Amino acid sequence: MNTVSEIGSLLKKIYRIYSTQVLKYLESKGFSDLRASFLEILIFVAETDGPSLKMIGSACNLKKQTMTSHVNELVKRGYLKKVQGVHDKREQRIYFTELGERFRMSLREAIVEIESQYIHKIGEVELLRIKNMLNDFYEKL
């Protein structure tokens, strides 16, 4: 296997471990109807005030059809709501519902807990170094 394939494989494995840990924590808080494919969208919405569908798709590198399907499913499950844009009526902004806001708090707790575990295992400096290196790699692609 070549270096790029190995990097891709390792990143996928690390993401699987991370998403499994997040989902397990969220399940312990009563959010048992989520799948790993929803996490990236939910994390982006949690960090962005009322993003548009286009913003979500771009930030998550998802095809429009996949992103729309996931957002619609999260609306159906009661986590998200769509609100018509103020300046452009064709645009839809995405916000958390009341259930979604409770979810956001649990998500933040999960991320803090998991980051603490990672820092304990590899150290804060090394974790930051890895993040910066991966960000640099992504920017160059």
Protein backbone atom coordinates (compact mmCIF):
# COMPACT_ATOMS: atom_id res chain seq x y z
CA MET A 1 0.00 0.00 0.00
CA ASN A 2 1.37 3.43 -0.84
CA THR A 3 1.75 6.31 1.59
CA VAL A 4 -1.34 8.25 0.49
CA SER A 5 -3.51 5.12 0.74
CA GLU A 6 -2.15 4.42 4.21
CA ILE A 7 -2.86 8.00 5.33
CA GLY A 8 -6.42 7.76 4.01
CA SER A 9 -6.93 4.42 5.71
CA LEU A 10 -5.56 5.66 9.03
CA LEU A 11 -7.69 8.81 8.93
CA LYS A 12 -10.79 6.72 8.24
CA LYS A 13 -9.98 4.35 11.13
CA ILE A 14 -9.35 7.26 13.51
CA TYR A 15 -12.62 8.92 12.49
CA ARG A 16 -14.50 5.65 13.04
CA ILE A 17 -13.08 5.37 16.55
CA TYR A 18 -13.89 9.01 17.29
CA SER A 19 -17.44 8.87 15.90
CA THR A 20 -18.13 5.62 17.76
CA GLN A 21 -16.99 7.26 21.01
CA VAL A 22 -19.16 10.34 20.38
CA LEU A 23 -22.22 8.26 19.51
CA LYS A 24 -21.72 6.03 22.56
CA TYR A 25 -21.58 9.09 24.83
CA LEU A 26 -24.64 10.62 23.17
CA GLU A 27 -26.53 7.36 23.48
CA SER A 28 -25.84 7.38 27.23
CA LYS A 29 -27.53 10.81 27.29
CA GLY A 30 -30.62 9.51 25.50
CA PHE A 31 -29.73 10.34 21.89
CA SER A 32 -29.83 6.84 20.47
CA ASP A 33 -31.29 7.52 17.02
CA LEU A 34 -28.20 9.03 15.40
CA ARG A 35 -25.65 7.61 13.01
CA ALA A 36 -22.06 8.55 12.35
CA SER A 37 -22.95 10.06 8.97
CA PHE A 38 -25.00 12.76 10.77
CA LEU A 39 -22.21 13.87 13.12
CA GLU A 40 -20.29 16.15 10.79
CA ILE A 41 -23.44 18.06 9.88
CA LEU A 42 -24.55 18.34 13.51
CA ILE A 43 -21.12 19.49 14.64
CA PHE A 44 -21.05 22.16 11.91
CA VAL A 45 -24.54 23.40 12.81
CA ALA A 46 -23.50 23.45 16.49
CA GLU A 47 -20.51 25.66 15.65
CA THR A 48 -22.25 27.94 13.11
CA ASP A 49 -25.17 30.27 13.73
CA GLY A 50 -27.92 29.37 11.25
CA PRO A 51 -25.88 28.05 8.34
CA SER A 52 -27.47 27.70 4.91
CA LEU A 53 -27.77 24.31 3.24
CA LYS A 54 -25.06 25.41 0.80
CA MET A 55 -22.70 26.31 3.67
CA ILE A 56 -23.25 22.92 5.32
CA GLY A 57 -22.61 21.04 2.09
CA SER A 58 -19.46 23.00 1.38
CA ALA A 59 -18.06 22.73 4.91
CA CYS A 60 -18.78 19.00 5.16
CA ASN A 61 -17.67 18.22 1.58
CA LEU A 62 -20.97 16.49 0.90
CA LYS A 63 -22.81 16.24 -2.39
CA LYS A 64 -25.99 18.32 -2.39
CA GLN A 65 -28.22 15.25 -2.56
CA THR A 66 -26.48 13.52 0.39
CA MET A 67 -26.42 16.66 2.52
CA THR A 68 -30.08 17.46 1.79
CA SER A 69 -31.10 13.89 2.61
CA HIS A 70 -29.22 13.98 5.94
CA VAL A 71 -30.59 17.39 6.92
CA ASN A 72 -34.13 16.31 6.03
CA GLU A 73 -33.72 13.19 8.16
CA LEU A 74 -32.46 15.28 11.10
CA VAL A 75 -35.47 17.60 10.66
CA LYS A 76 -37.76 14.57 10.67
CA ARG A 77 -36.11 13.25 13.84
CA GLY A 78 -36.65 16.62 15.53
CA TYR A 79 -33.07 17.85 15.89
CA LEU A 80 -33.06 20.56 13.22
CA LYS A 81 -35.49 23.00 11.68
CA LYS A 82 -35.37 24.91 8.42
CA VAL A 83 -36.09 28.63 8.45
CA GLN A 84 -36.62 30.71 5.34
CA GLY A 85 -33.84 33.24 4.73
CA VAL A 86 -34.56 36.87 5.65
CA HIS A 87 -32.93 38.47 2.61
CA ASP A 88 -33.39 35.62 0.14
CA LYS A 89 -36.65 33.71 0.49
CA ARG A 90 -35.24 30.82 -1.57
CA GLU A 91 -32.48 30.24 0.96
CA GLN A 92 -33.07 28.02 3.97
CA ARG A 93 -31.15 28.46 7.20
CA ILE A 94 -30.70 25.52 9.56
CA TYR A 95 -31.16 25.81 13.33
CA PHE A 96 -31.45 23.44 16.24
CA THR A 97 -34.87 22.73 17.69
CA GLU A 98 -35.39 22.51 21.45
CA LEU A 99 -34.36 18.83 21.27
CA GLY A 100 -31.43 19.89 19.12
CA GLU A 101 -30.28 22.42 21.72
CA ARG A 102 -30.27 19.68 24.38
CA PHE A 103 -28.34 17.54 21.93
CA ARG A 104 -25.83 20.38 21.35
CA MET A 105 -25.05 20.52 25.07
CA SER A 106 -24.47 16.75 25.19
CA LEU A 107 -22.36 16.92 22.04
CA ARG A 108 -20.14 19.58 23.62
CA GLU A 109 -19.76 17.42 26.72
CA ALA A 110 -18.88 14.40 24.58
CA ILE A 111 -16.23 16.31 22.64
CA VAL A 112 -14.66 17.71 25.82
CA GLU A 113 -14.62 14.25 27.40
CA ILE A 114 -13.09 12.57 24.36
CA GLU A 115 -10.50 15.33 23.92
CA SER A 116 -9.53 14.85 27.56
CA GLN A 117 -9.03 11.13 26.92
CA TYR A 118 -6.90 11.85 23.85
CA ILE A 119 -4.80 14.39 25.75
CA HIS A 120 -4.27 11.81 28.49
CA LYS A 121 -3.13 9.23 25.92
CA ILE A 122 -0.87 11.31 23.68
CA GLY A 123 -0.46 14.71 25.33
CA GLU A 124 -1.85 18.14 24.55
CA VAL A 125 1.17 19.33 22.55
CA GLU A 126 1.18 16.22 20.36
CA LEU A 127 -2.59 16.46 19.77
CA LEU A 128 -2.22 20.10 18.70
CA ARG A 129 0.72 19.20 16.46
CA ILE A 130 -1.35 16.49 14.74
CA LYS A 131 -4.26 18.90 14.26
CA ASN A 132 -2.02 21.57 12.76
CA MET A 133 -0.26 19.08 10.50
CA LEU A 134 -3.57 17.65 9.20
CA ASN A 135 -5.00 21.14 8.70
CA ASP A 136 -1.89 22.12 6.73
CA PHE A 137 -2.19 18.94 4.64
CA TYR A 138 -5.87 19.65 3.95
CA GLU A 139 -5.18 23.28 2.98
CA LYS A 140 -2.54 22.16 0.48
CA LEU A 141 -4.90 19.69 -1.19
